[in-house]
């Protein structure tokens, strides 16, 4: 009888440990997703700040930032209008966003933003 109780108790504890492991993995994945999203937004903001200072800014090479890496490419579409591609990497996560920004009136304004699928 005691062996049966010990067996059942060990089964319950094993199931509980597996459930906790799954929850921990999901929490880590969510934290990494939030981090790479924040990094891609930071890369875009960095490019917009540089464009505010220099209308001929073409982007930044890959560099470390906030535990991940950022890279931006800026292409002029015409007077004051730019396409910005911002890439962020955090761990195994990779995020690319494309934006269209307007430089004029003393600042830089975000006109359009989208996450590139994949």
PDB file of N, CA and C in Angstrom:
ATOM      1  N   UNK A   1       0.816  -1.204   0.000  1.00  0.00           N
ATOM      2  CA  UNK A   1       0.000   0.000   0.000  1.00  0.00           C
ATOM      3  C   UNK A   1       0.863   1.273   0.000  1.00  0.00           C
ATOM      4  N   UNK A   2       1.903   1.255   0.827  1.00  0.00           N
ATOM      5  CA  UNK A   2       2.783   2.420   0.912  1.00  0.00           C
ATOM      6  C   UNK A   2       3.509   2.632  -0.419  1.00  0.00           C
ATOM      7  N   UNK A   3       3.871   1.551  -1.078  1.00  0.00           N
ATOM      8  CA  UNK A   3       4.533   1.678  -2.371  1.00  0.00           C
ATOM      9  C   UNK A   3       3.602   2.295  -3.410  1.00  0.00           C
ATOM     10  N   UNK A   4       2.357   1.957  -3.362  1.00  0.00           N
ATOM     11  CA  UNK A   4       1.377   2.527  -4.290  1.00  0.00           C
ATOM     12  C   UNK A   4       1.231   4.032  -4.065  1.00  0.00           C
ATOM     13  N   UNK A   5       1.179   4.434  -2.801  1.00  0.00           N
ATOM     14  CA  UNK A   5       1.068   5.858  -2.470  1.00  0.00           C
ATOM     15  C   UNK A   5       2.316   6.600  -2.939  1.00  0.00           C
ATOM     16  N   UNK A   6       3.497   6.036  -2.718  1.00  0.00           N
ATOM     17  CA  UNK A   6       4.732   6.675  -3.175  1.00  0.00           C
ATOM     18  C   UNK A   6       4.782   6.768  -4.697  1.00  0.00           C
ATOM     19  N   UNK A   7       4.335   5.729  -5.365  1.00  0.00           N
ATOM     20  CA  UNK A   7       4.302   5.738  -6.824  1.00  0.00           C
ATOM     21  C   UNK A   7       3.374   6.829  -7.340  1.00  0.00           C
ATOM     22  N   UNK A   8       2.162   6.910  -6.781  1.00  0.00           N
ATOM     23  CA  UNK A   8       1.202   7.935  -7.213  1.00  0.00           C
ATOM     24  C   UNK A   8       1.718   9.339  -6.912  1.00  0.00           C
ATOM     25  N   UNK A   9       2.342   9.502  -5.754  1.00  0.00           N
ATOM     26  CA  UNK A   9       2.901  10.811  -5.401  1.00  0.00           C
ATOM     27  C   UNK A   9       4.018  11.203  -6.362  1.00  0.00           C
ATOM     28  N   UNK A  10       4.872  10.276  -6.720  1.00  0.00           N
ATOM     29  CA  UNK A  10       5.952  10.590  -7.663  1.00  0.00           C
ATOM     30  C   UNK A  10       5.397  10.921  -9.040  1.00  0.00           C
ATOM     31  N   UNK A  11       4.330  10.271  -9.456  1.00  0.00           N
ATOM     32  CA  UNK A  11       3.703  10.583 -10.745  1.00  0.00           C
ATOM     33  C   UNK A  11       3.120  11.996 -10.731  1.00  0.00           C
ATOM     34  N   UNK A  12       2.448  12.354  -9.651  1.00  0.00           N
ATOM     35  CA  UNK A  12       1.874  13.701  -9.537  1.00  0.00           C
ATOM     36  C   UNK A  12       2.976  14.749  -9.557  1.00  0.00           C
ATOM     37  N   UNK A  13       4.054  14.508  -8.835  1.00  0.00           N
ATOM     38  CA  UNK A  13       5.166  15.465  -8.808  1.00  0.00           C
ATOM     39  C   UNK A  13       5.849  15.566 -10.169  1.00  0.00           C
ATOM     40  N   UNK A  14       5.965  14.475 -10.895  1.00  0.00           N
ATOM     41  CA  UNK A  14       6.560  14.517 -12.231  1.00  0.00           C
ATOM     42  C   UNK A  14       5.686  15.328 -13.177  1.00  0.00           C
ATOM     43  N   UNK A  15       4.383  15.152 -13.109  1.00  0.00           N
ATOM     44  CA  UNK A  15       3.470  15.935 -13.951  1.00  0.00           C
ATOM     45  C   UNK A  15       3.530  17.416 -13.600  1.00  0.00           C
ATOM     46  N   UNK A  16       3.615  17.716 -12.323  1.00  0.00           N
ATOM     47  CA  UNK A  16       3.720  19.110 -11.882  1.00  0.00           C
ATOM     48  C   UNK A  16       5.027  19.736 -12.376  1.00  0.00           C
ATOM     49  N   UNK A  17       6.127  18.991 -12.296  1.00  0.00           N
ATOM     50  CA  UNK A  17       7.411  19.507 -12.774  1.00  0.00           C
ATOM     51  C   UNK A  17       7.362  19.771 -14.274  1.00  0.00           C
ATOM     52  N   UNK A  18       6.754  18.879 -15.033  1.00  0.00           N
ATOM     53  CA  UNK A  18       6.637  19.066 -16.477  1.00  0.00           C
ATOM     54  C   UNK A  18       5.801  20.306 -16.801  1.00  0.00           C
ATOM     55  N   UNK A  19       4.727  20.498 -16.061  1.00  0.00           N
ATOM     56  CA  UNK A  19       3.874  21.673 -16.268  1.00  0.00           C
ATOM     57  C   UNK A  19       4.630  22.967 -15.968  1.00  0.00           C
ATOM     58  N   UNK A  20       5.386  22.977 -14.892  1.00  0.00           N
ATOM     59  CA  UNK A  20       6.177  24.165 -14.545  1.00  0.00           C
ATOM     60  C   UNK A  20       7.256  24.434 -15.583  1.00  0.00           C
ATOM     61  N   UNK A  21       7.875  23.392 -16.101  1.00  0.00           N
ATOM     62  CA  UNK A  21       8.894  23.551 -17.129  1.00  0.00           C
ATOM     63  C   UNK A  21       8.298  24.172 -18.393  1.00  0.00           C
ATOM     64  N   UNK A  22       7.132  23.719 -18.765  1.00  0.00           N
ATOM     65  CA  UNK A  22       6.445  24.274 -19.930  1.00  0.00           C
ATOM     66  C   UNK A  22       6.109  25.749 -19.725  1.00  0.00           C
ATOM     67  N   UNK A  23       5.618  26.092 -18.551  1.00  0.00           N
ATOM     68  CA  UNK A  23       5.302  27.497 -18.258  1.00  0.00           C
ATOM     69  C   UNK A  23       6.543  28.376 -18.268  1.00  0.00           C
ATOM     70  N   UNK A  24       7.639  27.860 -17.742  1.00  0.00           N
ATOM     71  CA  UNK A  24       8.889  28.624 -17.749  1.00  0.00           C
ATOM     72  C   UNK A  24       9.369  28.863 -19.180  1.00  0.00           C
ATOM     73  N   UNK A  25       9.264  27.854 -20.025  1.00  0.00           N
ATOM     74  CA  UNK A  25       9.677  27.988 -21.422  1.00  0.00           C
ATOM     75  C   UNK A  25       8.807  29.018 -22.144  1.00  0.00           C
ATOM     76  N   UNK A  26       7.510  28.979 -21.894  1.00  0.00           N
ATOM     77  CA  UNK A  26       6.606  29.951 -22.522  1.00  0.00           C
ATOM     78  C   UNK A  26       6.904  31.361 -22.045  1.00  0.00           C
ATOM     79  N   UNK A  27       7.202  31.535 -20.763  1.00  0.00           N
ATOM     80  CA  UNK A  27       7.529  32.859 -20.230  1.00  0.00           C
ATOM     81  C   UNK A  27       8.827  33.385 -20.835  1.00  0.00           C
ATOM     82  N   UNK A  28       9.827  32.513 -20.998  1.00  0.00           N
ATOM     83  CA  UNK A  28      11.092  32.923 -21.611  1.00  0.00           C
ATOM     84  C   UNK A  28      10.890  33.322 -23.069  1.00  0.00           C
ATOM     85  N   UNK A  29      10.101  32.548 -23.801  1.00  0.00           N
ATOM     86  CA  UNK A  29       9.823  32.875 -25.198  1.00  0.00           C
ATOM     87  C   UNK A  29       9.113  34.218 -25.319  1.00  0.00           C
ATOM     88  N   UNK A  30       8.164  34.462 -24.439  1.00  0.00           N
ATOM     89  CA  UNK A  30       7.438  35.739 -24.464  1.00  0.00           C
ATOM     90  C   UNK A  30       8.377  36.908 -24.146  1.00  0.00           C
ATOM     91  N   UNK A  31       9.270  36.713 -23.174  1.00  0.00           N
ATOM     92  CA  UNK A  31      10.227  37.769 -22.819  1.00  0.00           C
ATOM     93  C   UNK A  31      11.161  38.075 -23.991  1.00  0.00           C
ATOM     94  N   UNK A  32      11.612  37.043 -24.704  1.00  0.00           N
ATOM     95  CA  UNK A  32      12.485  37.268 -25.856  1.00  0.00           C
ATOM     96  C   UNK A  32      11.740  37.972 -26.985  1.00  0.00           C
ATOM     97  N   UNK A  33      10.470  37.649 -27.173  1.00  0.00           N
ATOM     98  CA  UNK A  33       9.672  38.318 -28.203  1.00  0.00           C
ATOM     99  C   UNK A  33       9.502  39.802 -27.876  1.00  0.00           C
ATOM    100  N   UNK A  34       9.217  40.098 -26.624  1.00  0.00           N
ATOM    101  CA  UNK A  34       9.079  41.498 -26.210  1.00  0.00           C
ATOM    102  C   UNK A  34      10.405  42.233 -26.392  1.00  0.00           C
ATOM    103  N   UNK A  35      11.510  41.580 -26.052  1.00  0.00           N
ATOM    104  CA  UNK A  35      12.825  42.221 -26.188  1.00  0.00           C
ATOM    105  C   UNK A  35      13.151  42.526 -27.641  1.00  0.00           C
ATOM    106  N   UNK A  36      12.919  41.582 -28.555  1.00  0.00           N
ATOM    107  CA  UNK A  36      13.249  41.834 -29.964  1.00  0.00           C
ATOM    108  C   UNK A  36      12.303  42.870 -30.567  1.00  0.00           C
ATOM    109  N   UNK A  37      11.049  42.898 -30.128  1.00  0.00           N
ATOM    110  CA  UNK A  37      10.137  43.956 -30.580  1.00  0.00           C
ATOM    111  C   UNK A  37      10.628  45.328 -30.129  1.00  0.00           C
ATOM    112  N   UNK A  38      11.048  45.422 -28.880  1.00  0.00           N
ATOM    113  CA  UNK A  38      11.563  46.694 -28.358  1.00  0.00           C
ATOM    114  C   UNK A  38      12.840  47.119 -29.076  1.00  0.00           C
ATOM    115  N   UNK A  39      13.701  46.152 -29.372  1.00  0.00           N
ATOM    116  CA  UNK A  39      14.935  46.477 -30.083  1.00  0.00           C
ATOM    117  C   UNK A  39      14.663  46.973 -31.498  1.00  0.00           C
ATOM    118  N   UNK A  40      13.690  46.371 -32.192  1.00  0.00           N
ATOM    119  CA  UNK A  40      13.392  46.838 -33.553  1.00  0.00           C
ATOM    120  C   UNK A  40      12.813  48.250 -33.520  1.00  0.00           C
ATOM    121  N   UNK A  41      11.982  48.535 -32.513  1.00  0.00           N
ATOM    122  CA  UNK A  41      11.477  49.907 -32.356  1.00  0.00           C
ATOM    123  C   UNK A  41      12.613  50.874 -32.042  1.00  0.00           C
ATOM    124  N   UNK A  42      13.577  50.428 -31.233  1.00  0.00           N
ATOM    125  CA  UNK A  42      14.731  51.272 -30.907  1.00  0.00           C
ATOM    126  C   UNK A  42      15.573  51.567 -32.135  1.00  0.00           C
ATOM    127  N   UNK A  43      15.741  50.572 -32.993  1.00  0.00           N
ATOM    128  CA  UNK A  43      16.513  50.787 -34.228  1.00  0.00           C
ATOM    129  C   UNK A  43      15.827  51.829 -35.103  1.00  0.00           C
ATOM    130  N   UNK A  44      14.509  51.760 -35.203  1.00  0.00           N
ATOM    131  CA  UNK A  44      13.760  52.742 -35.986  1.00  0.00           C
ATOM    132  C   UNK A  44      13.881  54.136 -35.379  1.00  0.00           C
ATOM    133  N   UNK A  45      13.751  54.226 -34.070  1.00  0.00           N
ATOM    134  CA  UNK A  45      13.888  55.524 -33.392  1.00  0.00           C
ATOM    135  C   UNK A  45      15.288  56.097 -33.565  1.00  0.00           C
ATOM    136  N   UNK A  46      16.288  55.232 -33.508  1.00  0.00           N
ATOM    137  CA  UNK A  46      17.671  55.673 -33.711  1.00  0.00           C
ATOM    138  C   UNK A  46      17.845  56.274 -35.104  1.00  0.00           C
ATOM    139  N   UNK A  47      17.288  55.617 -36.106  1.00  0.00           N
ATOM    140  CA  UNK A  47      17.395  56.123 -37.479  1.00  0.00           C
ATOM    141  C   UNK A  47      16.653  57.448 -37.626  1.00  0.00           C
ATOM    142  N   UNK A  48      15.482  57.563 -36.998  1.00  0.00           N
ATOM    143  CA  UNK A  48      14.722  58.810 -37.081  1.00  0.00           C
ATOM    144  C   UNK A  48      15.476  59.959 -36.407  1.00  0.00           C
ATOM    145  N   UNK A  49      16.118  59.671 -35.287  1.00  0.00           N
ATOM    146  CA  UNK A  49      16.893  60.707 -34.598  1.00  0.00           C
ATOM    147  C   UNK A  49      18.074  61.157 -35.448  1.00  0.00           C
ATOM    148  N   UNK A  50      18.747  60.214 -36.097  1.00  0.00           N
ATOM    149  CA  UNK A  50      19.869  60.567 -36.965  1.00  0.00           C
ATOM    150  C   UNK A  50      19.395  61.363 -38.184  1.00  0.00           C
ATOM    151  N   UNK A  51      18.224  60.988 -38.723  1.00  0.00           N
ATOM    152  CA  UNK A  51      17.675  61.742 -39.865  1.00  0.00           C
ATOM    153  C   UNK A  51      17.326  63.181 -39.474  1.00  0.00           C
ATOM    154  N   UNK A  52      16.910  63.362 -38.241  1.00  0.00           N
ATOM    155  CA  UNK A  52      16.597  64.722 -37.776  1.00  0.00           C
ATOM    156  C   UNK A  52      17.849  65.591 -37.792  1.00  0.00           C
ATOM    157  N   UNK A  53      18.996  64.977 -37.562  1.00  0.00           N
ATOM    158  CA  UNK A  53      20.254  65.722 -37.546  1.00  0.00           C
ATOM    159  C   UNK A  53      20.895  65.834 -38.921  1.00  0.00           C
ATOM    160  N   UNK A  54      20.703  64.806 -39.764  1.00  0.00           N
ATOM    161  CA  UNK A  54      21.405  64.752 -41.046  1.00  0.00           C
ATOM    162  C   UNK A  54      20.480  64.196 -42.127  1.00  0.00           C
ATOM    163  N   UNK A  55      20.071  65.028 -43.092  1.00  0.00           N
ATOM    164  CA  UNK A  55      19.171  64.545 -44.141  1.00  0.00           C
ATOM    165  C   UNK A  55      19.830  63.539 -45.094  1.00  0.00           C
ATOM    166  N   UNK A  56      21.154  63.414 -45.035  1.00  0.00           N
ATOM    167  CA  UNK A  56      21.875  62.476 -45.893  1.00  0.00           C
ATOM    168  C   UNK A  56      22.233  61.176 -45.181  1.00  0.00           C
ATOM    169  N   UNK A  57      21.657  60.948 -44.028  1.00  0.00           N
ATOM    170  CA  UNK A  57      21.923  59.738 -43.247  1.00  0.00           C
ATOM    171  C   UNK A  57      21.478  58.509 -44.043  1.00  0.00           C
ATOM    172  N   UNK A  58      22.333  57.482 -44.108  1.00  0.00           N
ATOM    173  CA  UNK A  58      22.022  56.286 -44.904  1.00  0.00           C
ATOM    174  C   UNK A  58      21.832  55.028 -44.057  1.00  0.00           C
ATOM    175  N   UNK A  59      21.964  55.146 -42.748  1.00  0.00           N
ATOM    176  CA  UNK A  59      21.759  53.990 -41.884  1.00  0.00           C
ATOM    177  C   UNK A  59      22.977  53.681 -41.044  1.00  0.00           C
ATOM    178  N   UNK A  60      22.836  52.621 -40.228  1.00  0.00           N
ATOM    179  CA  UNK A  60      23.923  52.225 -39.331  1.00  0.00           C
ATOM    180  C   UNK A  60      24.235  50.751 -39.538  1.00  0.00           C
ATOM    181  N   UNK A  61      25.519  50.412 -39.520  1.00  0.00           N
ATOM    182  CA  UNK A  61      25.872  48.992 -39.629  1.00  0.00           C
ATOM    183  C   UNK A  61      25.441  48.245 -38.368  1.00  0.00           C
ATOM    184  N   UNK A  62      25.505  46.943 -38.423  1.00  0.00           N
ATOM    185  CA  UNK A  62      25.128  46.105 -37.291  1.00  0.00           C
ATOM    186  C   UNK A  62      25.977  46.468 -36.076  1.00  0.00           C
ATOM    187  N   UNK A  63      25.300  46.735 -34.949  1.00  0.00           N
ATOM    188  CA  UNK A  63      26.013  47.070 -33.719  1.00  0.00           C
ATOM    189  C   UNK A  63      25.228  46.576 -32.508  1.00  0.00           C
ATOM    190  N   UNK A  64      25.935  46.383 -31.407  1.00  0.00           N
ATOM    191  CA  UNK A  64      25.323  45.883 -30.179  1.00  0.00           C
ATOM    192  C   UNK A  64      24.489  46.965 -29.517  1.00  0.00           C
ATOM    193  N   UNK A  65      23.358  46.521 -28.938  1.00  0.00           N
ATOM    194  CA  UNK A  65      22.497  47.455 -28.215  1.00  0.00           C
ATOM    195  C   UNK A  65      21.532  46.639 -27.353  1.00  0.00           C
ATOM    196  N   UNK A  66      21.467  46.926 -26.066  1.00  0.00           N
ATOM    197  CA  UNK A  66      20.471  46.329 -25.190  1.00  0.00           C
ATOM    198  C   UNK A  66      20.454  44.808 -25.154  1.00  0.00           C
ATOM    199  N   UNK A  67      21.606  44.185 -25.244  1.00  0.00           N
ATOM    200  CA  UNK A  67      21.662  42.735 -25.201  1.00  0.00           C
ATOM    201  C   UNK A  67      21.420  42.060 -26.539  1.00  0.00           C
ATOM    202  N   UNK A  68      21.184  42.852 -27.566  1.00  0.00           N
ATOM    203  CA  UNK A  68      20.976  42.310 -28.909  1.00  0.00           C
ATOM    204  C   UNK A  68      21.774  43.111 -29.906  1.00  0.00           C
ATOM    205  N   UNK A  69      21.368  43.053 -31.177  1.00  0.00           N
ATOM    206  CA  UNK A  69      22.036  43.843 -32.207  1.00  0.00           C
ATOM    207  C   UNK A  69      21.000  44.597 -33.034  1.00  0.00           C
ATOM    208  N   UNK A  70      21.415  45.751 -33.542  1.00  0.00           N
ATOM    209  CA  UNK A  70      20.575  46.592 -34.382  1.00  0.00           C
ATOM    210  C   UNK A  70      21.302  46.898 -35.680  1.00  0.00           C
ATOM    211  N   UNK A  71      20.512  47.126 -36.727  1.00  0.00           N
ATOM    212  CA  UNK A  71      21.053  47.574 -38.011  1.00  0.00           C
ATOM    213  C   UNK A  71      19.954  48.357 -38.709  1.00  0.00           C
ATOM    214  N   UNK A  72      20.325  49.459 -39.365  1.00  0.00           N
ATOM    215  CA  UNK A  72      19.336  50.239 -40.104  1.00  0.00           C
ATOM    216  C   UNK A  72      19.860  50.596 -41.489  1.00  0.00           C
ATOM    217  N   UNK A  73      18.913  50.693 -42.408  1.00  0.00           N
ATOM    218  CA  UNK A  73      19.206  51.180 -43.759  1.00  0.00           C
ATOM    219  C   UNK A  73      18.178  52.250 -44.078  1.00  0.00           C
ATOM    220  N   UNK A  74      18.655  53.372 -44.590  1.00  0.00           N
ATOM    221  CA  UNK A  74      17.783  54.501 -44.915  1.00  0.00           C
ATOM    222  C   UNK A  74      17.956  54.835 -46.388  1.00  0.00           C
ATOM    223  N   UNK A  75      16.841  54.958 -47.076  1.00  0.00           N
ATOM    224  CA  UNK A  75      16.871  55.290 -48.503  1.00  0.00           C
ATOM    225  C   UNK A  75      15.970  56.505 -48.738  1.00  0.00           C
ATOM    226  N   UNK A  76      16.513  57.498 -49.403  1.00  0.00           N
ATOM    227  CA  UNK A  76      15.744  58.698 -49.719  1.00  0.00           C
ATOM    228  C   UNK A  76      14.806  58.404 -50.887  1.00  0.00           C
ATOM    229  N   UNK A  77      13.535  58.804 -50.719  1.00  0.00           N
ATOM    230  CA  UNK A  77      12.537  58.626 -51.777  1.00  0.00           C
ATOM    231  C   UNK A  77      12.239  59.921 -52.512  1.00  0.00           C
ATOM    232  N   UNK A  78      12.693  61.007 -51.971  1.00  0.00           N
ATOM    233  CA  UNK A  78      12.434  62.322 -52.546  1.00  0.00           C
ATOM    234  C   UNK A  78      12.657  63.357 -51.471  1.00  0.00           C
ATOM    235  N   UNK A  79      12.325  64.609 -51.746  1.00  0.00           N
ATOM    236  CA  UNK A  79      12.556  65.663 -50.760  1.00  0.00           C
ATOM    237  C   UNK A  79      11.836  65.385 -49.429  1.00  0.00           C
ATOM    238  N   UNK A  80      12.606  65.078 -48.411  1.00  0.00           N
ATOM    239  CA  UNK A  80      12.067  64.890 -47.072  1.00  0.00           C
ATOM    240  C   UNK A  80      11.425  63.545 -46.802  1.00  0.00           C
ATOM    241  N   UNK A  81      11.346  62.661 -47.780  1.00  0.00           N
ATOM    242  CA  UNK A  81      10.676  61.365 -47.601  1.00  0.00           C
ATOM    243  C   UNK A  81      11.703  60.238 -47.655  1.00  0.00           C
ATOM    244  N   UNK A  82      11.636  59.332 -46.669  1.00  0.00           N
ATOM    245  CA  UNK A  82      12.638  58.270 -46.551  1.00  0.00           C
ATOM    246  C   UNK A  82      11.979  56.928 -46.241  1.00  0.00           C
ATOM    247  N   UNK A  83      12.575  55.859 -46.756  1.00  0.00           N
ATOM    248  CA  UNK A  83      12.251  54.493 -46.359  1.00  0.00           C
ATOM    249  C   UNK A  83      13.314  54.048 -45.368  1.00  0.00           C
ATOM    250  N   UNK A  84      12.878  53.497 -44.237  1.00  0.00           N
ATOM    251  CA  UNK A  84      13.804  53.012 -43.215  1.00  0.00           C
ATOM    252  C   UNK A  84      13.535  51.529 -43.004  1.00  0.00           C
ATOM    253  N   UNK A  85      14.587  50.737 -43.071  1.00  0.00           N
ATOM    254  CA  UNK A  85      14.502  49.314 -42.735  1.00  0.00           C
ATOM    255  C   UNK A  85      15.340  49.108 -41.485  1.00  0.00           C
ATOM    256  N   UNK A  86      14.680  48.645 -40.415  1.00  0.00           N
ATOM    257  CA  UNK A  86      15.348  48.435 -39.137  1.00  0.00           C
ATOM    258  C   UNK A  86      15.330  46.945 -38.814  1.00  0.00           C
ATOM    259  N   UNK A  87      16.494  46.417 -38.474  1.00  0.00           N
ATOM    260  CA  UNK A  87      16.633  44.993 -38.172  1.00  0.00           C
ATOM    261  C   UNK A  87      17.163  44.841 -36.750  1.00  0.00           C
ATOM    262  N   UNK A  88      16.528  43.952 -35.991  1.00  0.00           N
ATOM    263  CA  UNK A  88      16.962  43.684 -34.620  1.00  0.00           C
ATOM    264  C   UNK A  88      17.095  42.178 -34.428  1.00  0.00           C
ATOM    265  N   UNK A  89      18.086  41.800 -33.636  1.00  0.00           N
ATOM    266  CA  UNK A  89      18.293  40.404 -33.287  1.00  0.00           C
ATOM    267  C   UNK A  89      18.493  40.319 -31.778  1.00  0.00           C
ATOM    268  N   UNK A  90      17.802  39.346 -31.181  1.00  0.00           N
ATOM    269  CA  UNK A  90      17.955  39.102 -29.742  1.00  0.00           C
ATOM    270  C   UNK A  90      17.906  37.596 -29.535  1.00  0.00           C
ATOM    271  N   UNK A  91      19.016  37.024 -29.099  1.00  0.00           N
ATOM    272  CA  UNK A  91      19.070  35.566 -28.975  1.00  0.00           C
ATOM    273  C   UNK A  91      18.881  34.947 -30.351  1.00  0.00           C
ATOM    274  N   UNK A  92      17.911  34.053 -30.450  1.00  0.00           N
ATOM    275  CA  UNK A  92      17.606  33.426 -31.736  1.00  0.00           C
ATOM    276  C   UNK A  92      16.471  34.137 -32.463  1.00  0.00           C
ATOM    277  N   UNK A  93      15.985  35.227 -31.918  1.00  0.00           N
ATOM    278  CA  UNK A  93      14.866  35.954 -32.511  1.00  0.00           C
ATOM    279  C   UNK A  93      15.390  37.039 -33.447  1.00  0.00           C
ATOM    280  N   UNK A  94      14.667  37.248 -34.515  1.00  0.00           N
ATOM    281  CA  UNK A  94      15.063  38.218 -35.546  1.00  0.00           C
ATOM    282  C   UNK A  94      13.805  38.975 -35.966  1.00  0.00           C
ATOM    283  N   UNK A  95      13.886  40.299 -36.017  1.00  0.00           N
ATOM    284  CA  UNK A  95      12.722  41.102 -36.389  1.00  0.00           C
ATOM    285  C   UNK A  95      13.153  42.200 -37.348  1.00  0.00           C
ATOM    286  N   UNK A  96      12.394  42.377 -38.429  1.00  0.00           N
ATOM    287  CA  UNK A  96      12.652  43.436 -39.405  1.00  0.00           C
ATOM    288  C   UNK A  96      11.383  44.275 -39.518  1.00  0.00           C
ATOM    289  N   UNK A  97      11.554  45.586 -39.433  1.00  0.00           N
ATOM    290  CA  UNK A  97      10.431  46.502 -39.640  1.00  0.00           C
ATOM    291  C   UNK A  97      10.803  47.484 -40.744  1.00  0.00           C
ATOM    292  N   UNK A  98       9.810  47.862 -41.503  1.00  0.00           N
ATOM    293  CA  UNK A  98       9.982  48.875 -42.543  1.00  0.00           C
ATOM    294  C   UNK A  98       9.089  50.057 -42.201  1.00  0.00           C
ATOM    295  N   UNK A  99       9.611  51.235 -42.430  1.00  0.00           N
ATOM    296  CA  UNK A  99       8.853  52.445 -42.117  1.00  0.00           C
ATOM    297  C   UNK A  99       9.107  53.488 -43.188  1.00  0.00           C
ATOM    298  N   UNK A 100       8.145  54.365 -43.325  1.00  0.00           N
ATOM    299  CA  UNK A 100       8.311  55.530 -44.184  1.00  0.00           C
ATOM    300  C   UNK A 100       8.216  56.741 -43.267  1.00  0.00           C
ATOM    301  N   UNK A 101       9.231  57.585 -43.333  1.00  0.00           N
ATOM    302  CA  UNK A 101       9.274  58.751 -42.459  1.00  0.00           C
ATOM    303  C   UNK A 101       9.412  60.021 -43.293  1.00  0.00           C
ATOM    304  N   UNK A 102       8.929  61.105 -42.712  1.00  0.00           N
ATOM    305  CA  UNK A 102       9.003  62.408 -43.371  1.00  0.00           C
ATOM    306  C   UNK A 102       9.833  63.335 -42.504  1.00  0.00           C
ATOM    307  N   UNK A 103      10.806  63.995 -43.135  1.00  0.00           N
ATOM    308  CA  UNK A 103      11.651  64.957 -42.435  1.00  0.00           C
ATOM    309  C   UNK A 103      11.282  66.346 -42.926  1.00  0.00           C
ATOM    310  N   UNK A 104      10.786  67.142 -42.028  1.00  0.00           N
ATOM    311  CA  UNK A 104      10.414  68.506 -42.373  1.00  0.00           C
ATOM    312  C   UNK A 104       9.727  69.179 -41.197  1.00  0.00           C
ATOM    313  N   UNK A 105       9.608  70.473 -41.258  1.00  0.00           N
ATOM    314  CA  UNK A 105       8.947  71.203 -40.189  1.00  0.00           C
ATOM    315  C   UNK A 105       9.672  71.116 -38.861  1.00  0.00           C
ATOM    316  N   UNK A 106      10.981  70.933 -38.910  1.00  0.00           N
ATOM    317  CA  UNK A 106      11.757  70.903 -37.666  1.00  0.00           C
ATOM    318  C   UNK A 106      11.825  69.547 -36.997  1.00  0.00           C
ATOM    319  N   UNK A 107      11.347  68.490 -37.639  1.00  0.00           N
ATOM    320  CA  UNK A 107      11.424  67.172 -37.016  1.00  0.00           C
ATOM    321  C   UNK A 107      11.205  66.057 -38.028  1.00  0.00           C
ATOM    322  N   UNK A 108      11.153  64.857 -37.519  1.00  0.00           N
ATOM    323  CA  UNK A 108      10.933  63.671 -38.345  1.00  0.00           C
ATOM    324  C   UNK A 108       9.650  63.000 -37.863  1.00  0.00           C
ATOM    325  N   UNK A 109       8.769  62.698 -38.814  1.00  0.00           N
ATOM    326  CA  UNK A 109       7.468  62.122 -38.492  1.00  0.00           C
ATOM    327  C   UNK A 109       7.329  60.746 -39.122  1.00  0.00           C
ATOM    328  N   UNK A 110       6.836  59.814 -38.356  1.00  0.00           N
ATOM    329  CA  UNK A 110       6.568  58.477 -38.856  1.00  0.00           C
ATOM    330  C   UNK A 110       5.249  58.484 -39.621  1.00  0.00           C
ATOM    331  N   UNK A 111       5.300  58.086 -40.892  1.00  0.00           N
ATOM    332  CA  UNK A 111       4.091  58.084 -41.726  1.00  0.00           C
ATOM    333  C   UNK A 111       3.480  56.707 -41.845  1.00  0.00           C
ATOM    334  N   UNK A 112       4.326  55.682 -41.911  1.00  0.00           N
ATOM    335  CA  UNK A 112       3.856  54.322 -42.105  1.00  0.00           C
ATOM    336  C   UNK A 112       4.862  53.363 -41.482  1.00  0.00           C
ATOM    337  N   UNK A 113       4.365  52.281 -40.854  1.00  0.00           N
ATOM    338  CA  UNK A 113       5.224  51.314 -40.206  1.00  0.00           C
ATOM    339  C   UNK A 113       4.629  49.941 -40.398  1.00  0.00           C
ATOM    340  N   UNK A 114       5.479  48.930 -40.668  1.00  0.00           N
ATOM    341  CA  UNK A 114       4.977  47.559 -40.752  1.00  0.00           C
ATOM    342  C   UNK A 114       6.089  46.585 -40.402  1.00  0.00           C
ATOM    343  N   UNK A 115       5.683  45.481 -39.802  1.00  0.00           N
ATOM    344  CA  UNK A 115       6.612  44.397 -39.490  1.00  0.00           C
ATOM    345  C   UNK A 115       6.710  43.507 -40.721  1.00  0.00           C
ATOM    346  N   UNK A 116       7.927  43.184 -41.127  1.00  0.00           N
ATOM    347  CA  UNK A 116       8.141  42.315 -42.273  1.00  0.00           C
ATOM    348  C   UNK A 116       7.936  40.875 -41.804  1.00  0.00           C
ATOM    349  N   UNK A 117       7.027  40.136 -42.420  1.00  0.00           N
ATOM    350  CA  UNK A 117       6.781  38.743 -41.997  1.00  0.00           C
ATOM    351  C   UNK A 117       8.025  37.884 -42.181  1.00  0.00           C
ATOM    352  N   UNK A 118       8.132  36.905 -41.304  1.00  0.00           N
ATOM    353  CA  UNK A 118       9.233  35.947 -41.424  1.00  0.00           C
ATOM    354  C   UNK A 118      10.106  36.020 -40.308  1.00  0.00           C
TER     355      UNK A 118
END
